[in-house]
Amino acid sequence: MIELRDVRKAFNQGRPNEFWAIRGISLSLEANRITVLKGPSGSGKTTLLSMIGCLARPTEGRILLEDRLLSGLPERFLTEIRRQTFGFIFQQFNLIKGLSVLENVMLPAYPLGAPRHALEAGARDLLAQFGLADKAAYRVEWLSGGEAQRTAICRALINGPRVLIADEPTANLDTARSRDFMRIVGELKAAGKTVLLTSHDPEVYEAPQVDRVIEMRDGRVARG
């Protein structure tokens, strides 16, 4: 589904502090699989995931989605692909304080122009699916850690993405909540989603739901 061909990423290119975060990675990532990028801080896993999700461009190399070249597309096309193909869960969840749970879930769908009643119905269906129907009107700052994470998952799914991307999703969770997250991820895979995670948490990369672990070090694939 996703193919990387000799992908490299530099920061501050051409300056004295030039740094190559990704140093020539070629990978094929299959659809409907749970893949974990494992490695210590600074290994490049977050940078690689951001390029796969069209949040950043490679300095060199190619990224293809179902044989369509992404790395050379103009930004307006990348934005459209990002909205329709990928859903994102960030380490800090990035929920907007002061807004309700329902409003946070609906936010990524506004640019697509769906009627509000249809959008709200879809958001409420997701909240019900993840046991949050009674929290729809709550401000997100009132949620527990587990509830905030499930809200972030609902938000990531509101546009019906084929690929779910999560960067260190259990970094702020205890063991029980980490296992609950991986159970949810397994259910998403069963529903046909492709899931890409970064983590150095054994509750993630050793979870039975995971199909593949790619170990990274110093911007390269060390194993996997």
C-alpha atoms as a PDB file:
ATOM      1  CA  MET A   1       0.000   0.000   0.000  1.00  0.00           C
ATOM      2  CA  ILE A   2       2.763   2.465   1.000  1.00  0.00           C
ATOM      3  CA  GLU A   3       6.236   2.245  -0.467  1.00  0.00           C
ATOM      4  CA  LEU A   4       9.346   4.207   0.452  1.00  0.00           C
ATOM      5  CA  ARG A   5      12.301   4.270  -1.911  1.00  0.00           C
ATOM      6  CA  ASP A   6      15.634   5.461  -0.524  1.00  0.00           C
ATOM      7  CA  VAL A   7      13.956   8.178   1.541  1.00  0.00           C
ATOM      8  CA  ARG A   8      16.175  10.759   3.262  1.00  0.00           C
ATOM      9  CA  LYS A   9      15.302  13.774   5.365  1.00  0.00           C
ATOM     10  CA  ALA A  10      17.633  16.636   6.294  1.00  0.00           C
ATOM     11  CA  PHE A  11      17.079  19.535   8.634  1.00  0.00           C
ATOM     12  CA  ASN A  12      18.986  22.815   8.195  1.00  0.00           C
ATOM     13  CA  GLN A  13      20.365  21.533   4.907  1.00  0.00           C
ATOM     14  CA  GLY A  14      23.428  23.435   3.713  1.00  0.00           C
ATOM     15  CA  ARG A  15      24.048  25.047   7.091  1.00  0.00           C
ATOM     16  CA  PRO A  16      26.758  24.257   9.653  1.00  0.00           C
ATOM     17  CA  ASN A  17      24.146  22.486  11.816  1.00  0.00           C
ATOM     18  CA  GLU A  18      22.828  20.280   8.986  1.00  0.00           C
ATOM     19  CA  PHE A  19      21.371  17.058  10.336  1.00  0.00           C
ATOM     20  CA  TRP A  20      20.127  14.017   8.439  1.00  0.00           C
ATOM     21  CA  ALA A  21      17.285  12.529  10.502  1.00  0.00           C
ATOM     22  CA  ILE A  22      16.474   9.830   7.903  1.00  0.00           C
ATOM     23  CA  ARG A  23      19.414   8.300   6.042  1.00  0.00           C
ATOM     24  CA  GLY A  24      18.143   6.189   3.173  1.00  0.00           C
ATOM     25  CA  ILE A  25      15.135   4.042   4.056  1.00  0.00           C
ATOM     26  CA  SER A  26      13.351   1.718   1.637  1.00  0.00           C
ATOM     27  CA  LEU A  27      10.244  -0.063   2.929  1.00  0.00           C
ATOM     28  CA  SER A  28       6.985  -1.589   1.745  1.00  0.00           C
ATOM     29  CA  LEU A  29       4.097  -1.282   4.202  1.00  0.00           C
ATOM     30  CA  GLU A  30       1.149  -3.580   3.573  1.00  0.00           C
ATOM     31  CA  ALA A  31      -2.485  -2.576   3.902  1.00  0.00           C
ATOM     32  CA  ASN A  32      -4.671  -3.843   6.766  1.00  0.00           C
ATOM     33  CA  ARG A  33      -1.689  -4.459   9.031  1.00  0.00           C
ATOM     34  CA  ILE A  34      -0.507  -2.987  12.333  1.00  0.00           C
ATOM     35  CA  THR A  35       3.097  -1.849  11.966  1.00  0.00           C
ATOM     36  CA  VAL A  36       5.177  -0.393  14.788  1.00  0.00           C
ATOM     37  CA  LEU A  37       8.259   1.772  14.287  1.00  0.00           C
ATOM     38  CA  LYS A  38      10.379   1.043  17.331  1.00  0.00           C
ATOM     39  CA  GLY A  39      13.473   2.878  18.479  1.00  0.00           C
ATOM     40  CA  PRO A  40      14.988   5.274  21.013  1.00  0.00           C
ATOM     41  CA  SER A  41      14.449   9.027  20.945  1.00  0.00           C
ATOM     42  CA  GLY A  42      16.340  10.476  18.002  1.00  0.00           C
ATOM     43  CA  SER A  43      16.135   7.309  15.915  1.00  0.00           C
ATOM     44  CA  GLY A  44      14.008   9.068  13.271  1.00  0.00           C
ATOM     45  CA  LYS A  45      10.772   7.162  13.735  1.00  0.00           C
ATOM     46  CA  THR A  46       8.580  10.244  14.238  1.00  0.00           C
ATOM     47  CA  THR A  47      10.174  12.016  11.270  1.00  0.00           C
ATOM     48  CA  LEU A  48       9.572   8.982   9.079  1.00  0.00           C
ATOM     49  CA  LEU A  49       5.959   8.700  10.195  1.00  0.00           C
ATOM     50  CA  SER A  50       5.342  12.388   9.472  1.00  0.00           C
ATOM     51  CA  MET A  51       6.574  11.928   5.898  1.00  0.00           C
ATOM     52  CA  ILE A  52       4.432   8.838   5.370  1.00  0.00           C
ATOM     53  CA  GLY A  53       1.407  10.834   6.564  1.00  0.00           C
ATOM     54  CA  CYS A  54       2.156  13.771   4.228  1.00  0.00           C
ATOM     55  CA  LEU A  55       2.906  16.107   7.146  1.00  0.00           C
ATOM     56  CA  ALA A  56       6.455  16.611   5.856  1.00  0.00           C
ATOM     57  CA  ARG A  57       8.327  16.049   2.612  1.00  0.00           C
ATOM     58  CA  PRO A  58      11.435  13.938   2.123  1.00  0.00           C
ATOM     59  CA  THR A  59      14.606  15.753   1.124  1.00  0.00           C
ATOM     60  CA  GLU A  60      15.467  12.884  -1.201  1.00  0.00           C
ATOM     61  CA  GLY A  61      13.756   9.686  -2.328  1.00  0.00           C
ATOM     62  CA  ARG A  62      10.171   8.778  -3.127  1.00  0.00           C
ATOM     63  CA  ILE A  63       7.037   7.880  -1.192  1.00  0.00           C
ATOM     64  CA  LEU A  64       4.193   6.144  -3.015  1.00  0.00           C
ATOM     65  CA  LEU A  65       0.636   5.437  -1.923  1.00  0.00           C
ATOM     66  CA  GLU A  66      -0.869   2.615  -3.977  1.00  0.00           C
ATOM     67  CA  ASP A  67       1.609   3.388  -6.795  1.00  0.00           C
ATOM     68  CA  ARG A  68       0.785   7.113  -6.726  1.00  0.00           C
ATOM     69  CA  LEU A  69       3.833   9.287  -6.123  1.00  0.00           C
ATOM     70  CA  LEU A  70       3.207  11.535  -3.110  1.00  0.00           C
ATOM     71  CA  SER A  71       6.579  13.146  -2.526  1.00  0.00           C
ATOM     72  CA  GLY A  72       6.427  15.384  -5.583  1.00  0.00           C
ATOM     73  CA  LEU A  73       2.822  16.581  -5.355  1.00  0.00           C
ATOM     74  CA  PRO A  74       1.945  20.265  -4.775  1.00  0.00           C
ATOM     75  CA  GLU A  75       0.852  21.088  -1.232  1.00  0.00           C
ATOM     76  CA  ARG A  76      -2.852  21.502  -2.100  1.00  0.00           C
ATOM     77  CA  PHE A  77      -2.993  17.927  -3.381  1.00  0.00           C
ATOM     78  CA  LEU A  78      -1.061  16.623  -0.378  1.00  0.00           C
ATOM     79  CA  THR A  79      -3.529  18.350   1.940  1.00  0.00           C
ATOM     80  CA  GLU A  80      -6.450  16.647   0.210  1.00  0.00           C
ATOM     81  CA  ILE A  81      -4.792  13.226   0.374  1.00  0.00           C
ATOM     82  CA  ARG A  82      -3.903  13.787   4.022  1.00  0.00           C
ATOM     83  CA  ARG A  83      -7.503  14.613   4.938  1.00  0.00           C
ATOM     84  CA  GLN A  84      -9.033  11.715   3.042  1.00  0.00           C
ATOM     85  CA  THR A  85      -6.468   8.970   3.625  1.00  0.00           C
ATOM     86  CA  PHE A  86      -4.877   9.503   7.041  1.00  0.00           C
ATOM     87  CA  GLY A  87      -6.130   9.946  10.586  1.00  0.00           C
ATOM     88  CA  PHE A  88      -3.681  11.141  13.243  1.00  0.00           C
ATOM     89  CA  ILE A  89      -3.330  10.517  16.982  1.00  0.00           C
ATOM     90  CA  PHE A  90      -0.621  12.623  18.601  1.00  0.00           C
ATOM     91  CA  GLN A  91       1.306  11.919  21.788  1.00  0.00           C
ATOM     92  CA  GLN A  92      -0.343  14.802  23.667  1.00  0.00           C
ATOM     93  CA  PHE A  93      -3.705  14.142  21.907  1.00  0.00           C
ATOM     94  CA  ASN A  94      -3.867  17.871  20.911  1.00  0.00           C
ATOM     95  CA  LEU A  95      -7.504  18.237  21.926  1.00  0.00           C
ATOM     96  CA  ILE A  96      -8.737  21.848  21.942  1.00  0.00           C
ATOM     97  CA  LYS A  97      -9.517  22.998  25.471  1.00  0.00           C
ATOM     98  CA  GLY A  98     -12.694  24.998  25.889  1.00  0.00           C
ATOM     99  CA  LEU A  99     -14.476  22.958  23.227  1.00  0.00           C
ATOM    100  CA  SER A 100     -16.704  19.997  23.892  1.00  0.00           C
ATOM    101  CA  VAL A 101     -15.811  16.405  23.144  1.00  0.00           C
ATOM    102  CA  LEU A 102     -18.277  16.438  20.234  1.00  0.00           C
ATOM    103  CA  GLU A 103     -16.807  19.645  18.779  1.00  0.00           C
ATOM    104  CA  ASN A 104     -13.269  18.269  18.999  1.00  0.00           C
ATOM    105  CA  VAL A 105     -14.253  15.125  17.134  1.00  0.00           C
ATOM    106  CA  MET A 106     -15.975  17.127  14.394  1.00  0.00           C
ATOM    107  CA  LEU A 107     -13.135  19.603  13.781  1.00  0.00           C
ATOM    108  CA  PRO A 108     -11.103  17.696  11.131  1.00  0.00           C
ATOM    109  CA  ALA A 109     -14.220  17.172   9.000  1.00  0.00           C
ATOM    110  CA  TYR A 110     -15.243  20.812   8.620  1.00  0.00           C
ATOM    111  CA  PRO A 111     -12.946  21.499   5.610  1.00  0.00           C
ATOM    112  CA  LEU A 112     -14.614  18.681   3.654  1.00  0.00           C
ATOM    113  CA  GLY A 113     -17.894  20.603   3.636  1.00  0.00           C
ATOM    114  CA  ALA A 114     -20.312  17.909   4.794  1.00  0.00           C
ATOM    115  CA  PRO A 115     -23.694  19.139   6.119  1.00  0.00           C
ATOM    116  CA  ARG A 116     -23.459  19.801   9.846  1.00  0.00           C
ATOM    117  CA  HIS A 117     -26.297  17.431  10.749  1.00  0.00           C
ATOM    118  CA  ALA A 118     -24.574  14.555   8.933  1.00  0.00           C
ATOM    119  CA  LEU A 119     -21.232  15.428  10.474  1.00  0.00           C
ATOM    120  CA  GLU A 120     -22.684  15.578  13.964  1.00  0.00           C
ATOM    121  CA  ALA A 121     -24.479  12.265  13.481  1.00  0.00           C
ATOM    122  CA  GLY A 122     -21.222  10.622  12.384  1.00  0.00           C
ATOM    123  CA  ALA A 123     -19.352  12.065  15.362  1.00  0.00           C
ATOM    124  CA  ARG A 124     -22.009  10.867  17.791  1.00  0.00           C
ATOM    125  CA  ASP A 125     -21.903   7.387  16.252  1.00  0.00           C
ATOM    126  CA  LEU A 126     -18.136   7.263  16.832  1.00  0.00           C
ATOM    127  CA  LEU A 127     -18.493   8.474  20.416  1.00  0.00           C
ATOM    128  CA  ALA A 128     -21.090   5.785  21.057  1.00  0.00           C
ATOM    129  CA  GLN A 129     -18.816   3.156  19.509  1.00  0.00           C
ATOM    130  CA  PHE A 130     -16.032   4.104  21.928  1.00  0.00           C
ATOM    131  CA  GLY A 131     -18.210   4.424  25.027  1.00  0.00           C
ATOM    132  CA  LEU A 132     -18.249   8.222  25.094  1.00  0.00           C
ATOM    133  CA  ALA A 133     -21.841   9.016  24.121  1.00  0.00           C
ATOM    134  CA  ASP A 134     -22.578  10.465  27.557  1.00  0.00           C
ATOM    135  CA  LYS A 135     -19.473  12.691  27.366  1.00  0.00           C
ATOM    136  CA  ALA A 136     -20.353  14.477  24.108  1.00  0.00           C
ATOM    137  CA  ALA A 137     -21.147  17.800  25.801  1.00  0.00           C
ATOM    138  CA  TYR A 138     -18.220  17.646  28.252  1.00  0.00           C
ATOM    139  CA  ARG A 139     -15.287  19.990  27.821  1.00  0.00           C
ATOM    140  CA  VAL A 140     -12.232  17.923  26.980  1.00  0.00           C
ATOM    141  CA  GLU A 141     -10.309  19.224  30.004  1.00  0.00           C
ATOM    142  CA  TRP A 142     -12.807  17.351  32.195  1.00  0.00           C
ATOM    143  CA  LEU A 143     -11.899  13.958  30.706  1.00  0.00           C
ATOM    144  CA  SER A 144      -9.724  11.264  32.213  1.00  0.00           C
ATOM    145  CA  GLY A 145      -6.601  10.171  30.344  1.00  0.00           C
ATOM    146  CA  GLY A 146      -8.350   7.152  28.856  1.00  0.00           C
ATOM    147  CA  GLU A 147     -11.369   9.205  27.806  1.00  0.00           C
ATOM    148  CA  ALA A 148      -9.137  11.832  26.201  1.00  0.00           C
ATOM    149  CA  GLN A 149      -7.348   9.142  24.228  1.00  0.00           C
ATOM    150  CA  ARG A 150     -10.610   7.608  22.995  1.00  0.00           C
ATOM    151  CA  THR A 151     -11.772  11.092  21.998  1.00  0.00           C
ATOM    152  CA  ALA A 152      -8.551  11.513  20.017  1.00  0.00           C
ATOM    153  CA  ILE A 153      -9.213   8.184  18.289  1.00  0.00           C
ATOM    154  CA  CYS A 154     -12.743   9.295  17.360  1.00  0.00           C
ATOM    155  CA  ARG A 155     -11.363  12.546  15.965  1.00  0.00           C
ATOM    156  CA  ALA A 156      -8.801  10.598  13.915  1.00  0.00           C
ATOM    157  CA  LEU A 157     -11.580   8.439  12.451  1.00  0.00           C
ATOM    158  CA  ILE A 158     -14.154  11.151  11.649  1.00  0.00           C
ATOM    159  CA  ASN A 159     -13.182  11.398   7.958  1.00  0.00           C
ATOM    160  CA  GLY A 160     -13.159   7.631   7.459  1.00  0.00           C
ATOM    161  CA  PRO A 161      -9.407   7.322   6.829  1.00  0.00           C
ATOM    162  CA  ARG A 162      -7.885   4.132   5.509  1.00  0.00           C
ATOM    163  CA  VAL A 163      -4.689   4.648   7.490  1.00  0.00           C
ATOM    164  CA  LEU A 164      -4.447   5.510  11.185  1.00  0.00           C
ATOM    165  CA  ILE A 165      -1.152   7.062  12.297  1.00  0.00           C
ATOM    166  CA  ALA A 166      -0.257   7.313  15.994  1.00  0.00           C
ATOM    167  CA  ASP A 167       2.952   8.803  17.371  1.00  0.00           C
ATOM    168  CA  GLU A 168       3.870   7.401  20.816  1.00  0.00           C
ATOM    169  CA  PRO A 169       0.154   6.951  21.632  1.00  0.00           C
ATOM    170  CA  THR A 170       0.728   5.318  25.040  1.00  0.00           C
ATOM    171  CA  ALA A 171       3.515   7.600  26.292  1.00  0.00           C
ATOM    172  CA  ASN A 172       1.224   9.222  28.878  1.00  0.00           C
ATOM    173  CA  LEU A 173      -0.834   6.150  29.764  1.00  0.00           C
ATOM    174  CA  ASP A 174      -0.476   3.472  32.412  1.00  0.00           C
ATOM    175  CA  THR A 175      -0.178  -0.231  31.567  1.00  0.00           C
ATOM    176  CA  ALA A 176      -3.911  -0.977  31.691  1.00  0.00           C
ATOM    177  CA  ARG A 177      -4.799   1.918  29.401  1.00  0.00           C
ATOM    178  CA  SER A 178      -1.963   1.019  27.028  1.00  0.00           C
ATOM    179  CA  ARG A 179      -3.361  -2.500  26.689  1.00  0.00           C
ATOM    180  CA  ASP A 180      -6.845  -1.088  26.174  1.00  0.00           C
ATOM    181  CA  PHE A 181      -5.506   1.129  23.390  1.00  0.00           C
ATOM    182  CA  MET A 182      -3.932  -1.851  21.634  1.00  0.00           C
ATOM    183  CA  ARG A 183      -7.218  -3.758  21.932  1.00  0.00           C
ATOM    184  CA  ILE A 184      -8.952  -0.860  20.170  1.00  0.00           C
ATOM    185  CA  VAL A 185      -6.230  -0.822  17.507  1.00  0.00           C
ATOM    186  CA  GLY A 186      -6.821  -4.514  16.915  1.00  0.00           C
ATOM    187  CA  GLU A 187     -10.532  -3.825  16.404  1.00  0.00           C
ATOM    188  CA  LEU A 188      -9.703  -1.098  13.886  1.00  0.00           C
ATOM    189  CA  LYS A 189      -7.520  -3.518  11.954  1.00  0.00           C
ATOM    190  CA  ALA A 190     -10.378  -6.033  11.948  1.00  0.00           C
ATOM    191  CA  ALA A 191     -12.550  -3.265  10.473  1.00  0.00           C
ATOM    192  CA  GLY A 192     -10.114  -2.889   7.577  1.00  0.00           C
ATOM    193  CA  LYS A 193      -7.843  -0.095   8.761  1.00  0.00           C
ATOM    194  CA  THR A 194      -4.092   0.075   8.281  1.00  0.00           C
ATOM    195  CA  VAL A 195      -2.358   1.235  11.472  1.00  0.00           C
ATOM    196  CA  LEU A 196       1.127   2.737  11.761  1.00  0.00           C
ATOM    197  CA  LEU A 197       2.533   3.436  15.217  1.00  0.00           C
ATOM    198  CA  THR A 198       5.745   4.721  16.725  1.00  0.00           C
ATOM    199  CA  SER A 199       6.644   3.509  20.183  1.00  0.00           C
ATOM    200  CA  HIS A 200       9.396   2.456  22.554  1.00  0.00           C
ATOM    201  CA  ASP A 201       6.752   0.945  24.867  1.00  0.00           C
ATOM    202  CA  PRO A 202       6.818  -2.877  25.060  1.00  0.00           C
ATOM    203  CA  GLU A 203       3.062  -2.836  25.736  1.00  0.00           C
ATOM    204  CA  VAL A 204       2.789  -1.623  22.134  1.00  0.00           C
ATOM    205  CA  TYR A 205       5.484  -3.394  20.120  1.00  0.00           C
ATOM    206  CA  GLU A 206       5.078  -6.715  21.972  1.00  0.00           C
ATOM    207  CA  ALA A 207       1.266  -6.637  21.776  1.00  0.00           C
ATOM    208  CA  PRO A 208      -0.322  -9.660  20.072  1.00  0.00           C
ATOM    209  CA  GLN A 209      -2.239  -7.393  17.705  1.00  0.00           C
ATOM    210  CA  VAL A 210       0.974  -6.153  16.025  1.00  0.00           C
ATOM    211  CA  ASP A 211       1.884  -7.706  12.670  1.00  0.00           C
ATOM    212  CA  ARG A 212       5.296  -6.129  12.133  1.00  0.00           C
ATOM    213  CA  VAL A 213       7.929  -4.294  14.175  1.00  0.00           C
ATOM    214  CA  ILE A 214      10.495  -2.156  12.358  1.00  0.00           C
ATOM    215  CA  GLU A 215      13.416  -1.243  14.575  1.00  0.00           C
ATOM    216  CA  MET A 216      15.101   2.076  13.785  1.00  0.00           C
ATOM    217  CA  ARG A 217      18.390   3.527  14.886  1.00  0.00           C
ATOM    218  CA  ASP A 218      20.232   6.672  13.775  1.00  0.00           C
ATOM    219  CA  GLY A 219      17.825   7.341  10.920  1.00  0.00           C
ATOM    220  CA  ARG A 220      18.084   3.871   9.423  1.00  0.00           C
ATOM    221  CA  VAL A 221      16.193   0.588   9.620  1.00  0.00           C
ATOM    222  CA  ALA A 222      18.145  -1.703  11.917  1.00  0.00           C
ATOM    223  CA  ARG A 223      15.743  -4.620  11.681  1.00  0.00           C
ATOM    224  CA  GLY A 224      12.305  -5.443  10.344  1.00  0.00           C
END
